């Protein structure tokens, strides 16, 4: 945490403020290690405070040894933070403008002794580049996802003829991940069969699996706070020529994008590699989302691979690569890996096969 705080203070200097309040819980965890649900950080040039309520005092003391832990008592998070700032002689306070709601902004008016300065993505810019500890946790989260996929295939093979539903598969994926070290899922798992697989973010339901169905499974878990994300698409019964064409087009696009990624390219340039392959195959109108997104403590972070992303990819970033084709009335395919950007290319954290798995 020491190194993160040092880098944060360097960022803080660019806003010409004596202190910054951090209210976003993910940013709080990144800077302090606190994993509770109610807190504020006040970071000055010399000190760092974590303000929380009685429920979390002991937890914060254990998780955040670099911080002075303060009980908000009856004054509330903001009131207690202002008391500390006044005691320390602070005159101006930065705040996270992206996460401060209007009612809180109005509350600032009670404290006219301070100048409140909006800041933007002070912590998020630091979070873009993962350190070694973060990379280990992300790799472990993705390893658990790979394990879950390896176990879900025999589960589907044994059970699909007996009325197995999308919801059954989603539940089993979560069970496997939790049994193997995951703290939770990193998002609500997507399992979509048949024509429903053309819905990019389908909610698993009572639909059962039948011959001729694509089955898209997009899932991930959290390991010590860090997220994994992967997607694989399988087919029930012998695939038709159309199944093969769509699947192989998506796979070709993904492999080309993985090969292209390197520091210095913009997210827009990487996105175009995969998108052009799908477009040339005649399916450009059926790939309507970005190629990928960064992953860390949040499942969706920046920068991204998209048609509008001008930010440059750097070593140490972790992103997904997930092209897809979605044909209404027929079904869809998505293949997704999670990769670390290296000096010259990538290290792929996802190791599950990408050959089309056929369950008969």
Protein backbone atom coordinates (compact mmCIF):
# COMPACT_ATOMS: atom_id res chain seq x y z
CA UNK A 1 0.00 0.00 0.00
CA UNK A 2 2.93 2.34 0.65
CA UNK A 3 3.86 2.48 -3.01
CA UNK A 4 0.24 3.04 -4.04
CA UNK A 5 -0.10 5.91 -1.56
CA UNK A 6 3.11 7.48 -2.81
CA UNK A 7 1.88 7.36 -6.41
CA UNK A 8 -1.50 8.70 -5.31
CA UNK A 9 0.13 11.69 -3.62
CA UNK A 10 2.05 12.41 -6.82
CA UNK A 11 -1.29 12.46 -8.66
CA UNK A 12 -2.81 14.60 -5.90
CA UNK A 13 -0.18 17.28 -6.44
CA UNK A 14 -1.42 17.84 -9.99
CA UNK A 15 -4.77 19.06 -8.60
CA UNK A 16 -3.07 21.59 -6.32
CA UNK A 17 -4.93 20.41 -3.22
CA UNK A 18 -3.78 19.63 0.32
CA UNK A 19 -6.03 16.59 0.65
CA UNK A 20 -8.46 14.38 -1.22
CA UNK A 21 -11.51 12.50 0.05
CA UNK A 22 -11.99 9.07 -1.50
CA UNK A 23 -15.58 7.82 -1.42
CA UNK A 24 -15.70 5.08 -4.07
CA UNK A 25 -15.45 1.75 -2.23
CA UNK A 26 -13.32 0.10 -4.92
CA UNK A 27 -10.84 2.97 -4.80
CA UNK A 28 -10.87 2.80 -1.01
CA UNK A 29 -9.98 -0.89 -1.17
CA UNK A 30 -7.20 -0.26 -3.68
CA UNK A 31 -5.52 2.41 -1.54
CA UNK A 32 -6.14 1.00 1.94
CA UNK A 33 -7.10 -2.69 1.76
CA UNK A 34 -10.47 -2.04 3.42
CA UNK A 35 -13.16 -4.43 2.14
CA UNK A 36 -16.18 -3.14 4.07
CA UNK A 37 -19.22 -1.33 2.72
CA UNK A 38 -19.07 2.06 4.45
CA UNK A 39 -16.05 4.34 4.69
CA UNK A 40 -14.32 7.50 3.55
CA UNK A 41 -10.61 8.09 3.14
CA UNK A 42 -9.00 11.45 3.81
CA UNK A 43 -5.47 11.57 2.45
CA UNK A 44 -3.21 14.57 3.01
CA UNK A 45 0.43 15.14 2.12
CA UNK A 46 1.53 13.61 5.43
CA UNK A 47 -1.37 11.57 6.81
CA UNK A 48 -4.03 9.09 5.77
CA UNK A 49 -7.28 8.49 7.63
CA UNK A 50 -9.99 5.90 7.18
CA UNK A 51 -13.31 6.97 8.65
CA UNK A 52 -15.97 4.32 9.21
CA UNK A 53 -18.64 3.28 11.73
CA UNK A 54 -18.58 0.94 14.73
CA UNK A 55 -19.34 -2.16 12.64
CA UNK A 56 -16.05 -1.93 10.78
CA UNK A 57 -13.57 -0.47 13.27
CA UNK A 58 -11.96 -3.82 14.14
CA UNK A 59 -11.99 -4.98 10.51
CA UNK A 60 -10.41 -1.74 9.31
CA UNK A 61 -7.76 -1.92 12.01
CA UNK A 62 -6.76 -5.38 10.78
CA UNK A 63 -6.96 -4.65 7.07
CA UNK A 64 -5.49 -1.13 6.97
CA UNK A 65 -2.33 -0.90 9.12
CA UNK A 66 -1.05 2.09 7.15
CA UNK A 67 -4.14 4.18 8.03
CA UNK A 68 -5.35 5.93 11.14
CA UNK A 69 -8.79 4.43 11.78
CA UNK A 70 -11.43 6.88 13.01
CA UNK A 71 -14.94 6.12 14.29
CA UNK A 72 -17.48 8.44 12.68
CA UNK A 73 -19.56 8.29 15.89
CA UNK A 74 -22.76 10.37 15.60
CA UNK A 75 -21.31 12.83 13.12
CA UNK A 76 -21.56 10.67 10.03
CA UNK A 77 -18.81 9.98 7.52
CA UNK A 78 -18.66 13.46 6.03
CA UNK A 79 -19.10 15.30 9.34
CA UNK A 80 -16.29 13.39 11.01
CA UNK A 81 -14.04 13.84 7.98
CA UNK A 82 -14.59 17.60 8.07
CA UNK A 83 -13.77 17.63 11.79
CA UNK A 84 -10.44 15.93 11.06
CA UNK A 85 -9.69 18.32 8.20
CA UNK A 86 -10.39 21.36 10.39
CA UNK A 87 -8.24 19.97 13.21
CA UNK A 88 -5.35 19.46 10.77
CA UNK A 89 -5.65 22.99 9.37
CA UNK A 90 -6.62 21.89 5.87
CA UNK A 91 -8.01 24.62 3.63
CA UNK A 92 -8.90 22.78 0.42
CA UNK A 93 -10.23 19.26 -0.13
CA UNK A 94 -10.44 17.33 -3.38
CA UNK A 95 -13.40 15.02 -3.91
CA UNK A 96 -14.22 12.31 -6.44
CA UNK A 97 -16.61 14.13 -8.75
CA UNK A 98 -17.59 10.91 -10.56
CA UNK A 99 -19.00 9.37 -7.37
CA UNK A 100 -20.35 12.36 -5.43
CA UNK A 101 -24.14 12.63 -5.66
CA UNK A 102 -25.99 15.90 -5.66
CA UNK A 103 -27.22 15.69 -2.07
CA UNK A 104 -23.65 15.20 -0.82
CA UNK A 105 -22.49 18.09 -2.99
CA UNK A 106 -25.13 20.31 -1.38
CA UNK A 107 -23.93 19.15 2.04
CA UNK A 108 -20.51 20.60 1.24
CA UNK A 109 -22.18 23.99 1.62
CA UNK A 110 -22.31 23.49 5.40
CA UNK A 111 -18.52 23.64 5.51
CA UNK A 112 -17.69 27.02 4.02
CA UNK A 113 -14.28 27.07 5.71
CA UNK A 114 -13.07 24.65 3.01
CA UNK A 115 -12.65 24.95 -0.73
CA UNK A 116 -13.92 21.75 -2.37
CA UNK A 117 -12.10 20.84 -5.59
CA UNK A 118 -13.52 18.24 -8.03
CA UNK A 119 -11.07 15.57 -9.17
CA UNK A 120 -11.43 12.96 -11.91
CA UNK A 121 -9.99 9.42 -12.06
CA UNK A 122 -7.11 10.08 -9.66
CA UNK A 123 -7.18 6.48 -8.39
CA UNK A 124 -8.49 4.90 -11.58
CA UNK A 125 -5.39 6.00 -13.50
CA UNK A 126 -3.24 4.16 -10.98
CA UNK A 127 -5.46 1.07 -11.12
CA UNK A 128 -4.98 0.71 -14.88
CA UNK A 129 -1.48 -0.73 -14.42
CA UNK A 130 -1.56 -3.84 -12.23
CA UNK A 131 1.31 -4.58 -9.84
CA UNK A 132 2.70 -8.07 -9.24
CA UNK A 133 0.39 -8.78 -6.29
CA UNK A 134 -2.65 -7.85 -8.37
CA UNK A 135 -1.52 -9.94 -11.32
CA UNK A 136 -1.16 -13.01 -9.09
CA UNK A 137 -4.70 -12.58 -7.77
CA UNK A 138 -6.14 -12.03 -11.24
CA UNK A 139 -4.34 -15.12 -12.53
CA UNK A 140 -5.69 -17.20 -9.66
CA UNK A 141 -9.24 -15.94 -10.26
CA UNK A 142 -8.96 -16.92 -13.93
CA UNK A 143 -7.46 -20.30 -13.00
CA UNK A 144 -10.57 -21.01 -10.95
CA UNK A 145 -12.69 -20.05 -13.97
CA UNK A 146 -10.75 -22.45 -16.18
CA UNK A 147 -11.29 -25.19 -13.62
CA UNK A 148 -15.02 -24.48 -13.53
CA UNK A 149 -15.22 -24.77 -17.32
CA UNK A 150 -13.36 -28.08 -17.30
CA UNK A 151 -15.89 -29.46 -14.83
CA UNK A 152 -19.03 -27.99 -16.37
CA UNK A 153 -18.58 -29.86 -19.67
CA UNK A 154 -18.98 -33.37 -18.16
CA UNK A 155 -21.81 -31.99 -15.99
CA UNK A 156 -23.70 -30.83 -19.10
CA UNK A 157 -22.88 -34.03 -20.98
CA UNK A 158 -24.38 -36.21 -18.24
CA UNK A 159 -27.44 -34.08 -17.51
CA UNK A 160 -28.64 -32.18 -20.57
CA UNK A 161 -30.94 -34.96 -21.82
CA UNK A 162 -32.74 -34.93 -18.46
CA UNK A 163 -34.07 -31.38 -18.72
CA UNK A 164 -30.96 -29.43 -17.64
CA UNK A 165 -31.70 -25.69 -17.65
CA UNK A 166 -29.59 -22.60 -18.19
CA UNK A 167 -30.13 -21.75 -14.54
CA UNK A 168 -28.88 -25.19 -13.48
CA UNK A 169 -25.63 -24.61 -15.37
CA UNK A 170 -25.14 -21.13 -13.90
CA UNK A 171 -25.67 -22.47 -10.39
CA UNK A 172 -23.22 -25.32 -10.93
CA UNK A 173 -20.58 -22.93 -12.28
CA UNK A 174 -20.90 -20.79 -9.17
CA UNK A 175 -20.79 -23.85 -6.89
CA UNK A 176 -17.59 -25.10 -8.52
CA UNK A 177 -15.90 -21.71 -8.31
CA UNK A 178 -16.83 -21.19 -4.67
CA UNK A 179 -15.71 -24.71 -3.77
CA UNK A 180 -12.31 -23.95 -5.30
CA UNK A 181 -11.43 -20.70 -3.58
CA UNK A 182 -13.66 -18.01 -5.06
CA UNK A 183 -15.24 -15.51 -2.68
CA UNK A 184 -18.13 -14.83 -5.05
CA UNK A 185 -18.93 -14.50 -8.72
CA UNK A 186 -17.52 -11.36 -10.31
CA UNK A 187 -20.83 -10.72 -12.09
CA UNK A 188 -24.11 -12.54 -12.67
CA UNK A 189 -23.22 -15.52 -14.85
CA UNK A 190 -24.59 -15.58 -18.39
CA UNK A 191 -25.77 -18.94 -19.69
CA UNK A 192 -27.84 -18.79 -22.88
CA UNK A 193 -28.97 -21.69 -25.07
CA UNK A 194 -30.42 -21.91 -28.56
CA UNK A 195 -31.92 -18.77 -30.09
CA UNK A 196 -31.51 -17.04 -26.73
CA UNK A 197 -27.72 -17.17 -27.15
CA UNK A 198 -28.00 -14.20 -29.52
CA UNK A 199 -28.76 -12.06 -26.43
CA UNK A 200 -25.38 -10.68 -25.35
CA UNK A 201 -26.33 -10.43 -21.67
CA UNK A 202 -29.00 -13.10 -21.38
CA UNK A 203 -30.22 -14.01 -17.89
CA UNK A 204 -30.13 -17.79 -17.22
CA UNK A 205 -33.65 -19.15 -17.05
CA UNK A 206 -35.73 -22.33 -17.28
CA UNK A 207 -34.83 -22.94 -20.92
CA UNK A 208 -33.49 -26.44 -21.53
CA UNK A 209 -30.81 -27.58 -23.97
CA UNK A 210 -31.63 -29.23 -27.29
CA UNK A 211 -29.72 -30.54 -30.34
CA UNK A 212 -28.79 -27.62 -32.60
CA UNK A 213 -28.31 -25.19 -29.71
CA UNK A 214 -25.30 -23.00 -29.23
CA UNK A 215 -24.74 -22.58 -25.48
CA UNK A 216 -22.87 -19.42 -24.46
CA UNK A 217 -21.36 -19.40 -20.96
CA UNK A 218 -19.87 -16.10 -19.75
CA UNK A 219 -18.77 -16.26 -16.12
CA UNK A 220 -16.11 -15.30 -13.61
CA UNK A 221 -15.27 -15.13 -9.95
CA UNK A 222 -13.59 -12.93 -7.37
CA UNK A 223 -10.42 -14.07 -5.66
CA UNK A 224 -9.35 -11.80 -2.79
CA UNK A 225 -11.35 -9.03 -4.43
CA UNK A 226 -9.98 -9.43 -7.96
CA UNK A 227 -12.18 -10.50 -10.86
CA UNK A 228 -11.94 -13.07 -13.60
CA UNK A 229 -13.94 -13.13 -16.82
CA UNK A 230 -14.15 -15.73 -19.57
CA UNK A 231 -16.63 -16.93 -22.20
CA UNK A 232 -16.87 -20.19 -24.05
CA UNK A 233 -19.50 -21.35 -26.53
CA UNK A 234 -20.35 -25.01 -27.08
CA UNK A 235 -22.90 -26.73 -29.32
CA UNK A 236 -25.41 -29.47 -28.52
CA UNK A 237 -25.59 -32.17 -31.17
CA UNK A 238 -23.79 -32.27 -34.48
CA UNK A 239 -23.01 -28.72 -35.62
CA UNK A 240 -24.33 -27.56 -38.97
CA UNK A 241 -22.22 -25.73 -41.54
CA UNK A 242 -23.72 -22.48 -40.24
CA UNK A 243 -22.67 -23.31 -36.67
CA UNK A 244 -19.13 -24.00 -37.87
CA UNK A 245 -18.95 -20.88 -40.03
CA UNK A 246 -20.04 -18.54 -37.25
CA UNK A 247 -17.87 -20.18 -34.62
CA UNK A 248 -14.73 -20.26 -36.77
CA UNK A 249 -15.21 -16.61 -37.79
CA UNK A 250 -15.36 -15.51 -34.16
CA UNK A 251 -12.37 -17.67 -33.29
CA UNK A 252 -10.34 -16.28 -36.20
CA UNK A 253 -11.17 -12.72 -35.10
CA UNK A 254 -10.19 -13.41 -31.51
CA UNK A 255 -6.89 -15.10 -32.38
CA UNK A 256 -5.96 -12.21 -34.68
CA UNK A 257 -6.69 -9.64 -31.98
CA UNK A 258 -4.69 -11.59 -29.40
CA UNK A 259 -1.76 -11.67 -31.82
CA UNK A 260 -2.02 -7.92 -32.50
CA UNK A 261 -2.07 -6.60 -28.93
CA UNK A 262 1.07 -4.78 -27.82
CA UNK A 263 1.96 -1.61 -25.92
CA UNK A 264 1.50 1.59 -27.89
CA UNK A 265 -1.64 0.63 -29.79
CA UNK A 266 -4.91 2.35 -28.99
CA UNK A 267 -7.93 0.36 -27.92
CA UNK A 268 -9.57 1.45 -31.17
CA UNK A 269 -6.78 -0.08 -33.25
CA UNK A 270 -6.99 -3.45 -31.49
CA UNK A 271 -10.78 -3.50 -31.77
CA UNK A 272 -10.51 -2.94 -35.53
CA UNK A 273 -8.40 -6.08 -36.02
CA UNK A 274 -11.19 -8.38 -34.85
CA UNK A 275 -14.04 -6.25 -36.16
CA UNK A 276 -12.71 -6.17 -39.71
CA UNK A 277 -12.47 -9.97 -39.86
CA UNK A 278 -16.08 -10.33 -38.74
CA UNK A 279 -17.16 -7.58 -41.14
CA UNK A 280 -15.34 -9.19 -44.08
CA UNK A 281 -17.13 -12.47 -43.32
CA UNK A 282 -20.46 -10.67 -43.74
CA UNK A 283 -21.39 -10.47 -40.06
CA UNK A 284 -20.36 -6.90 -39.22
CA UNK A 285 -23.91 -5.89 -38.31
CA UNK A 286 -24.06 -8.72 -35.76
CA UNK A 287 -21.07 -7.69 -33.65
CA UNK A 288 -22.34 -4.62 -31.85
CA UNK A 289 -20.31 -4.40 -28.64
CA UNK A 290 -16.70 -3.51 -27.90
CA UNK A 291 -13.97 -6.11 -28.23
CA UNK A 292 -13.07 -6.00 -24.54
CA UNK A 293 -12.53 -4.14 -21.30
CA UNK A 294 -10.00 -3.86 -18.52
CA UNK A 295 -10.48 -6.02 -15.42
CA UNK A 296 -9.28 -5.65 -11.83
CA UNK A 297 -11.09 -4.97 -8.59
CA UNK A 298 -14.06 -4.07 -10.82
CA UNK A 299 -15.20 -6.36 -13.61
CA UNK A 300 -15.41 -3.44 -16.06
CA UNK A 301 -12.56 -0.96 -15.95
CA UNK A 302 -10.76 1.31 -18.42
CA UNK A 303 -9.22 1.45 -20.95
CA UNK A 304 -11.25 -0.71 -23.32
CA UNK A 305 -11.02 -2.25 -26.76
CA UNK A 306 -13.76 -0.42 -28.63
CA UNK A 307 -14.44 1.60 -31.78
CA UNK A 308 -14.06 4.87 -29.83
CA UNK A 309 -11.20 4.09 -27.41
CA UNK A 310 -8.30 6.48 -28.05
CA UNK A 311 -6.34 5.58 -24.92
CA UNK A 312 -3.09 3.71 -25.46
CA UNK A 313 -2.52 0.17 -24.21
CA UNK A 314 0.37 -0.15 -21.75
CA UNK A 315 2.39 -2.93 -20.18
CA UNK A 316 0.70 -4.24 -17.03
CA UNK A 317 -2.86 -3.64 -18.15
CA UNK A 318 -5.29 -6.58 -17.96
CA UNK A 319 -8.05 -6.73 -20.55
CA UNK A 320 -10.56 -9.14 -22.03
CA UNK A 321 -10.71 -10.02 -25.73
CA UNK A 322 -14.25 -11.13 -26.56
CA UNK A 323 -15.54 -10.84 -30.12
CA UNK A 324 -18.96 -12.26 -30.93
CA UNK A 325 -21.58 -12.80 -33.59
CA UNK A 326 -25.26 -12.73 -32.59
CA UNK A 327 -27.93 -13.80 -35.09
CA UNK A 328 -31.51 -13.19 -33.91
CA UNK A 329 -33.63 -16.33 -34.22
CA UNK A 330 -30.60 -18.59 -34.60
CA UNK A 331 -28.14 -17.97 -31.80
CA UNK A 332 -24.79 -16.46 -30.99
CA UNK A 333 -21.13 -17.15 -30.31
CA UNK A 334 -18.72 -15.33 -28.02
CA UNK A 335 -15.19 -16.40 -27.13
CA UNK A 336 -13.41 -14.49 -24.38
CA UNK A 337 -9.95 -14.62 -22.82
CA UNK A 338 -8.37 -12.37 -20.21
CA UNK A 339 -4.83 -11.20 -20.98
CA UNK A 340 -1.97 -9.23 -19.44
CA UNK A 341 -0.19 -6.77 -21.72
CA UNK A 342 3.58 -7.42 -21.71
CA UNK A 343 6.58 -5.61 -23.24
CA UNK A 344 6.01 -7.17 -26.64
CA UNK A 345 2.53 -8.71 -26.62
CA UNK A 346 0.40 -10.55 -24.08
CA UNK A 347 0.35 -13.25 -21.44
CA UNK A 348 -2.97 -15.07 -21.74
CA UNK A 349 -4.43 -15.93 -18.33
CA UNK A 350 -7.19 -18.09 -19.86
CA UNK A 351 -6.18 -21.63 -20.78
CA UNK A 352 -9.43 -23.44 -21.62
CA UNK A 353 -9.63 -24.89 -25.11
CA UNK A 354 -11.18 -22.80 -27.82
CA UNK A 355 -11.89 -25.69 -30.16
CA UNK A 356 -15.64 -26.04 -30.67
CA UNK A 357 -16.86 -28.55 -28.08
CA UNK A 358 -19.71 -30.73 -29.32
CA UNK A 359 -21.93 -32.48 -26.79
CA UNK A 360 -24.01 -35.33 -28.23
